[in-house]
């Protein structure tokens, strides 16, 4: 299964009764395994979970700690980038050169990298000497 196939399939399981904006994400771990996640809304909006966070959680739960590729899909007119919090989460588990493909259900795609999405990312090096 491709990352796109996994992201499109899991998007259908999104719980988005408030925004009706379903998002699916799939990531590839260093093992080559694919992990998928979808957004899960909550009536108390800040308590929801983004698709990227769900995919990362599935990867970590399976015992992996590094991602090598990311694919995010939404039913929007243009590819939608990960939110700020998810950019930081992606940077926690992926190197700056990792490709992040943003896509629409209609087939439009735009590729970038984690570093381009989050220049100046906060990382463990910032905590040294504290």
N, C-alpha and C. Protein backbone atom coordinates (compact mmCIF):
# COMPACT_ATOMS: atom_id res chain seq x y z
N UNK A 1 0.85 -1.18 0.00
CA UNK A 1 0.00 0.00 0.00
C UNK A 1 0.89 1.24 0.00
N UNK A 2 0.58 2.21 -0.85
CA UNK A 2 1.34 3.45 -0.90
C UNK A 2 0.93 4.36 0.26
N UNK A 3 1.76 5.36 0.53
CA UNK A 3 1.39 6.33 1.56
C UNK A 3 0.09 7.02 1.19
N UNK A 4 -0.07 7.37 -0.07
CA UNK A 4 -1.31 8.04 -0.50
C UNK A 4 -2.51 7.13 -0.24
N UNK A 5 -2.41 5.87 -0.63
CA UNK A 5 -3.53 4.94 -0.41
C UNK A 5 -3.89 4.84 1.07
N UNK A 6 -2.86 4.74 1.92
CA UNK A 6 -3.11 4.63 3.35
C UNK A 6 -3.75 5.89 3.90
N UNK A 7 -3.27 7.06 3.47
CA UNK A 7 -3.82 8.33 3.96
C UNK A 7 -5.25 8.55 3.49
N UNK A 8 -5.52 8.23 2.24
CA UNK A 8 -6.87 8.39 1.70
C UNK A 8 -7.83 7.44 2.41
N UNK A 9 -7.40 6.20 2.64
CA UNK A 9 -8.27 5.22 3.30
C UNK A 9 -8.58 5.61 4.74
N UNK A 10 -7.56 6.01 5.50
CA UNK A 10 -7.79 6.35 6.91
C UNK A 10 -8.58 7.64 7.06
N UNK A 11 -8.47 8.54 6.09
CA UNK A 11 -9.23 9.80 6.12
C UNK A 11 -10.72 9.52 6.25
N UNK A 12 -11.18 8.45 5.65
CA UNK A 12 -12.61 8.10 5.72
C UNK A 12 -13.05 7.80 7.15
N UNK A 13 -12.12 7.44 8.03
CA UNK A 13 -12.45 7.12 9.42
C UNK A 13 -12.39 8.33 10.34
N UNK A 14 -12.04 9.49 9.81
CA UNK A 14 -11.92 10.69 10.64
C UNK A 14 -13.23 10.98 11.37
N UNK A 15 -13.08 11.49 12.58
CA UNK A 15 -14.24 11.91 13.38
C UNK A 15 -14.24 13.44 13.34
N UNK A 16 -15.00 14.00 12.40
CA UNK A 16 -15.01 15.46 12.19
C UNK A 16 -16.43 15.99 12.12
N UNK A 17 -17.26 15.73 13.15
CA UNK A 17 -18.65 16.16 13.09
C UNK A 17 -18.85 17.66 13.22
N UNK A 18 -17.85 18.39 13.67
CA UNK A 18 -17.99 19.83 13.90
C UNK A 18 -17.50 20.65 12.72
N UNK A 19 -16.35 20.28 12.19
CA UNK A 19 -15.80 21.03 11.05
C UNK A 19 -16.14 20.38 9.71
N UNK A 20 -16.46 19.10 9.73
CA UNK A 20 -16.64 18.32 8.49
C UNK A 20 -15.41 18.38 7.60
N UNK A 21 -14.23 18.59 8.22
CA UNK A 21 -12.96 18.67 7.49
C UNK A 21 -12.13 17.46 7.86
N UNK A 22 -12.26 16.41 7.06
CA UNK A 22 -11.56 15.16 7.32
C UNK A 22 -10.14 15.21 6.77
N UNK A 23 -9.19 14.74 7.59
CA UNK A 23 -7.78 14.70 7.19
C UNK A 23 -7.24 13.31 7.47
N UNK A 24 -6.43 12.81 6.55
CA UNK A 24 -5.75 11.54 6.74
C UNK A 24 -4.26 11.75 6.58
N UNK A 25 -3.47 11.03 7.35
CA UNK A 25 -2.02 11.12 7.25
C UNK A 25 -1.43 9.72 7.31
N UNK A 26 -0.36 9.54 6.57
CA UNK A 26 0.38 8.28 6.61
C UNK A 26 1.86 8.62 6.66
N UNK A 27 2.59 7.88 7.48
CA UNK A 27 4.03 8.08 7.58
C UNK A 27 4.71 6.73 7.41
N UNK A 28 5.93 6.79 6.92
CA UNK A 28 6.72 5.59 6.78
C UNK A 28 7.83 5.63 7.82
N UNK A 29 7.95 4.57 8.61
CA UNK A 29 9.02 4.46 9.58
C UNK A 29 10.29 3.96 8.90
N UNK A 30 11.40 4.00 9.62
CA UNK A 30 12.67 3.54 9.04
C UNK A 30 12.61 2.06 8.66
N UNK A 31 11.72 1.31 9.29
CA UNK A 31 11.56 -0.11 8.96
C UNK A 31 10.90 -0.31 7.61
N UNK A 32 10.26 0.75 7.09
CA UNK A 32 9.49 0.65 5.86
C UNK A 32 8.00 0.49 6.12
N UNK A 33 7.63 0.20 7.37
CA UNK A 33 6.21 0.05 7.70
C UNK A 33 5.49 1.39 7.57
N UNK A 34 4.22 1.32 7.22
CA UNK A 34 3.38 2.51 7.06
C UNK A 34 2.43 2.59 8.25
N UNK A 35 2.32 3.79 8.81
CA UNK A 35 1.43 4.07 9.94
C UNK A 35 0.49 5.17 9.52
N UNK A 36 -0.80 5.02 9.85
CA UNK A 36 -1.79 5.99 9.42
C UNK A 36 -2.54 6.57 10.61
N UNK A 37 -3.05 7.77 10.42
CA UNK A 37 -3.84 8.43 11.43
C UNK A 37 -4.83 9.39 10.78
N UNK A 38 -5.93 9.66 11.48
CA UNK A 38 -6.92 10.61 10.99
C UNK A 38 -7.24 11.60 12.10
N UNK A 39 -7.81 12.73 11.72
CA UNK A 39 -8.17 13.70 12.75
C UNK A 39 -9.37 13.19 13.54
N UNK A 40 -9.34 13.50 14.84
CA UNK A 40 -10.41 13.09 15.76
C UNK A 40 -10.80 14.34 16.53
N UNK A 41 -11.94 14.92 16.14
CA UNK A 41 -12.40 16.14 16.80
C UNK A 41 -13.10 15.84 18.11
N UNK A 42 -13.19 16.88 18.91
CA UNK A 42 -13.89 16.82 20.18
C UNK A 42 -14.69 18.11 20.26
N UNK A 43 -15.85 18.08 20.88
CA UNK A 43 -16.66 19.28 21.00
C UNK A 43 -15.87 20.40 21.68
N UNK A 44 -14.95 20.06 22.56
CA UNK A 44 -14.02 21.03 23.14
C UNK A 44 -12.82 21.06 22.19
N UNK A 45 -12.89 21.93 21.17
CA UNK A 45 -11.94 21.92 20.05
C UNK A 45 -10.47 21.69 20.41
N UNK A 46 -9.91 22.32 21.41
CA UNK A 46 -8.47 22.10 21.64
C UNK A 46 -8.12 20.67 22.04
N UNK A 47 -9.12 19.88 22.37
CA UNK A 47 -8.87 18.51 22.82
C UNK A 47 -8.84 17.50 21.68
N UNK A 48 -9.00 17.94 20.46
CA UNK A 48 -8.96 17.03 19.32
C UNK A 48 -7.54 16.58 19.02
N UNK A 49 -7.43 15.65 18.07
CA UNK A 49 -6.14 15.12 17.64
C UNK A 49 -6.02 15.25 16.14
N UNK A 50 -4.89 15.75 15.69
CA UNK A 50 -4.63 15.88 14.25
C UNK A 50 -4.25 14.53 13.65
N UNK A 51 -4.44 14.39 12.36
CA UNK A 51 -4.11 13.15 11.66
C UNK A 51 -2.63 12.81 11.78
N UNK A 52 -1.76 13.81 11.64
CA UNK A 52 -0.32 13.57 11.72
C UNK A 52 0.06 13.04 13.10
N UNK A 53 -0.54 13.63 14.15
CA UNK A 53 -0.27 13.19 15.51
C UNK A 53 -0.72 11.75 15.72
N UNK A 54 -1.85 11.38 15.13
CA UNK A 54 -2.34 10.02 15.24
C UNK A 54 -1.42 9.02 14.56
N UNK A 55 -0.91 9.39 13.39
CA UNK A 55 0.02 8.51 12.67
C UNK A 55 1.32 8.35 13.45
N UNK A 56 1.81 9.44 14.02
CA UNK A 56 3.04 9.37 14.83
C UNK A 56 2.80 8.50 16.06
N UNK A 57 1.66 8.66 16.70
CA UNK A 57 1.35 7.85 17.88
C UNK A 57 1.32 6.36 17.52
N UNK A 58 0.75 6.03 16.36
CA UNK A 58 0.71 4.62 15.92
C UNK A 58 2.12 4.10 15.69
N UNK A 59 2.99 4.92 15.11
CA UNK A 59 4.37 4.52 14.87
C UNK A 59 5.10 4.26 16.19
N UNK A 60 4.97 5.19 17.12
CA UNK A 60 5.63 5.04 18.41
C UNK A 60 5.08 3.84 19.17
N UNK A 61 3.76 3.64 19.12
CA UNK A 61 3.15 2.50 19.79
C UNK A 61 3.67 1.17 19.23
N UNK A 62 4.06 1.18 17.95
CA UNK A 62 4.61 -0.03 17.33
C UNK A 62 6.10 -0.21 17.61
N UNK A 63 6.70 0.78 18.30
CA UNK A 63 8.10 0.64 18.69
C UNK A 63 9.10 1.37 17.82
N UNK A 64 8.61 2.15 16.86
CA UNK A 64 9.53 2.91 16.01
C UNK A 64 9.61 4.35 16.50
N UNK A 65 10.75 4.98 16.23
CA UNK A 65 10.96 6.36 16.70
C UNK A 65 11.45 7.30 15.61
N UNK A 66 11.49 6.84 14.36
CA UNK A 66 11.96 7.72 13.28
C UNK A 66 11.11 7.52 12.04
N UNK A 67 10.69 8.63 11.44
CA UNK A 67 9.91 8.57 10.21
C UNK A 67 10.78 9.02 9.04
N UNK A 68 10.47 8.50 7.87
CA UNK A 68 11.27 8.81 6.69
C UNK A 68 10.48 9.46 5.56
N UNK A 69 9.16 9.51 5.71
CA UNK A 69 8.31 10.10 4.67
C UNK A 69 6.94 10.38 5.26
N UNK A 70 6.29 11.44 4.78
CA UNK A 70 4.99 11.85 5.32
C UNK A 70 4.06 12.18 4.15
N UNK A 71 2.79 11.82 4.29
CA UNK A 71 1.77 12.14 3.29
C UNK A 71 0.52 12.57 4.04
N UNK A 72 -0.01 13.75 3.70
CA UNK A 72 -1.20 14.30 4.35
C UNK A 72 -2.21 14.64 3.27
N UNK A 73 -3.46 14.21 3.46
CA UNK A 73 -4.49 14.47 2.46
C UNK A 73 -5.75 15.01 3.12
N UNK A 74 -6.37 15.98 2.44
CA UNK A 74 -7.62 16.57 2.91
C UNK A 74 -8.52 16.85 1.72
N UNK A 75 -9.80 16.95 1.98
CA UNK A 75 -10.76 17.27 0.93
C UNK A 75 -10.88 18.77 0.78
N UNK A 76 -9.82 19.39 0.31
CA UNK A 76 -9.78 20.85 0.19
C UNK A 76 -9.42 21.23 -1.24
N UNK A 77 -9.61 22.50 -1.61
CA UNK A 77 -9.29 22.92 -2.97
C UNK A 77 -7.79 22.92 -3.27
N UNK A 78 -6.97 23.10 -2.24
CA UNK A 78 -5.52 23.11 -2.41
C UNK A 78 -4.90 22.26 -1.30
N UNK A 79 -3.71 21.71 -1.53
CA UNK A 79 -3.05 20.92 -0.49
C UNK A 79 -2.91 21.72 0.81
N UNK A 80 -3.17 21.05 1.93
CA UNK A 80 -3.17 21.69 3.24
C UNK A 80 -1.92 21.26 4.02
N UNK A 81 -1.15 22.23 4.51
CA UNK A 81 0.04 21.88 5.29
C UNK A 81 -0.33 21.48 6.72
N UNK A 82 0.56 20.73 7.38
CA UNK A 82 0.33 20.41 8.79
C UNK A 82 0.27 21.68 9.64
N UNK A 83 -0.50 21.64 10.72
CA UNK A 83 -0.57 22.79 11.63
C UNK A 83 0.79 22.97 12.31
N UNK A 84 0.96 24.06 13.03
CA UNK A 84 2.22 24.34 13.70
C UNK A 84 2.63 23.26 14.69
N UNK A 85 1.68 22.78 15.48
CA UNK A 85 1.99 21.74 16.46
C UNK A 85 2.44 20.46 15.79
N UNK A 86 1.81 20.11 14.70
CA UNK A 86 2.20 18.88 13.99
C UNK A 86 3.54 19.04 13.29
N UNK A 87 3.86 20.25 12.87
CA UNK A 87 5.18 20.48 12.29
C UNK A 87 6.26 20.17 13.32
N UNK A 88 6.04 20.61 14.56
CA UNK A 88 7.00 20.33 15.63
C UNK A 88 7.03 18.82 15.92
N UNK A 89 5.88 18.17 15.91
CA UNK A 89 5.84 16.72 16.14
C UNK A 89 6.60 15.98 15.04
N UNK A 90 6.42 16.39 13.79
CA UNK A 90 7.14 15.76 12.69
C UNK A 90 8.65 15.95 12.86
N UNK A 91 9.06 17.15 13.29
CA UNK A 91 10.48 17.44 13.50
C UNK A 91 11.06 16.61 14.65
N UNK A 92 10.23 16.21 15.59
CA UNK A 92 10.69 15.37 16.70
C UNK A 92 11.11 13.98 16.21
N UNK A 93 10.42 13.48 15.19
CA UNK A 93 10.64 12.11 14.74
C UNK A 93 11.23 11.98 13.34
N UNK A 94 11.43 13.10 12.64
CA UNK A 94 11.99 13.04 11.30
C UNK A 94 13.06 14.09 11.10
N UNK A 95 14.04 13.77 10.29
CA UNK A 95 15.10 14.72 9.98
C UNK A 95 14.59 15.79 9.02
N UNK A 96 15.29 16.90 8.96
CA UNK A 96 14.86 18.04 8.17
C UNK A 96 14.64 17.75 6.70
N UNK A 97 15.40 16.82 6.14
CA UNK A 97 15.28 16.52 4.70
C UNK A 97 14.09 15.62 4.36
N UNK A 98 13.38 15.12 5.36
CA UNK A 98 12.26 14.20 5.12
C UNK A 98 11.18 14.90 4.30
N UNK A 99 10.72 14.22 3.26
CA UNK A 99 9.69 14.77 2.38
C UNK A 99 8.31 14.69 3.04
N UNK A 100 7.59 15.81 2.95
CA UNK A 100 6.21 15.88 3.41
C UNK A 100 5.38 16.23 2.18
N UNK A 101 4.54 15.31 1.76
CA UNK A 101 3.66 15.55 0.62
C UNK A 101 2.29 15.92 1.14
N UNK A 102 1.82 17.07 0.70
CA UNK A 102 0.49 17.56 1.07
C UNK A 102 -0.39 17.37 -0.16
N UNK A 103 -1.61 16.85 0.03
CA UNK A 103 -2.43 16.51 -1.13
C UNK A 103 -3.91 16.79 -0.88
N UNK A 104 -4.64 16.78 -1.99
CA UNK A 104 -6.10 16.88 -1.93
C UNK A 104 -6.69 15.54 -2.37
N UNK A 105 -7.92 15.31 -2.01
CA UNK A 105 -8.57 14.08 -2.45
C UNK A 105 -8.75 14.08 -3.96
N UNK A 106 -8.70 15.25 -4.58
CA UNK A 106 -8.81 15.36 -6.03
C UNK A 106 -7.53 15.02 -6.77
N UNK A 107 -6.43 14.80 -6.04
CA UNK A 107 -5.19 14.39 -6.69
C UNK A 107 -4.09 15.43 -6.75
N UNK A 108 -4.37 16.69 -6.39
CA UNK A 108 -3.32 17.69 -6.38
C UNK A 108 -2.32 17.37 -5.28
N UNK A 109 -1.04 17.55 -5.56
CA UNK A 109 0.00 17.29 -4.57
C UNK A 109 1.04 18.40 -4.58
N UNK A 110 1.62 18.62 -3.40
CA UNK A 110 2.70 19.58 -3.25
C UNK A 110 3.68 18.97 -2.24
N UNK A 111 4.95 18.87 -2.64
CA UNK A 111 5.95 18.27 -1.75
C UNK A 111 6.87 19.35 -1.18
N UNK A 112 7.25 19.15 0.06
CA UNK A 112 8.19 20.03 0.75
C UNK A 112 8.98 19.16 1.73
N UNK A 113 9.68 19.77 2.65
CA UNK A 113 10.43 19.01 3.66
C UNK A 113 10.03 19.49 5.05
N UNK A 114 10.38 18.69 6.04
CA UNK A 114 10.12 19.10 7.41
C UNK A 114 10.84 20.41 7.71
N UNK A 115 12.09 20.55 7.27
CA UNK A 115 12.86 21.77 7.54
C UNK A 115 12.22 23.00 6.90
N UNK A 116 11.67 22.84 5.71
CA UNK A 116 11.02 23.98 5.05
C UNK A 116 9.73 24.36 5.76
N UNK A 117 9.03 23.37 6.31
CA UNK A 117 7.79 23.64 7.04
C UNK A 117 8.06 24.27 8.40
N UNK A 118 9.22 23.95 9.00
CA UNK A 118 9.51 24.43 10.35
C UNK A 118 10.97 24.89 10.45
N UNK A 119 11.27 26.03 9.83
CA UNK A 119 12.64 26.54 9.95
C UNK A 119 12.91 26.95 11.40
N UNK A 120 14.12 26.71 11.86
CA UNK A 120 14.47 27.07 13.22
C UNK A 120 13.77 26.22 14.26
N UNK A 121 13.50 24.96 13.94
CA UNK A 121 12.78 24.06 14.85
C UNK A 121 13.46 23.97 16.20
N UNK A 122 12.67 23.92 17.24
CA UNK A 122 13.17 23.68 18.60
C UNK A 122 13.52 22.20 18.68
N UNK A 123 14.74 21.88 19.14
CA UNK A 123 15.13 20.48 19.25
C UNK A 123 15.88 20.25 20.57
N UNK A 124 16.28 19.01 20.79
CA UNK A 124 16.93 18.64 22.05
C UNK A 124 18.20 19.43 22.28
N UNK A 125 18.88 19.87 21.24
CA UNK A 125 20.09 20.67 21.38
C UNK A 125 19.84 21.97 22.13
N UNK A 126 18.64 22.48 22.04
CA UNK A 126 18.30 23.72 22.75
C UNK A 126 18.21 23.52 24.26
N UNK A 127 18.11 22.28 24.69
CA UNK A 127 17.96 22.01 26.12
C UNK A 127 19.29 21.68 26.80
N UNK A 128 20.37 21.60 26.03
CA UNK A 128 21.66 21.28 26.61
C UNK A 128 22.17 22.43 27.46
N UNK A 129 22.84 22.10 28.56
CA UNK A 129 23.42 23.12 29.42
C UNK A 129 22.42 23.80 30.33
N UNK A 130 21.23 23.24 30.44
CA UNK A 130 20.24 23.89 31.31
C UNK A 130 20.38 23.47 32.74
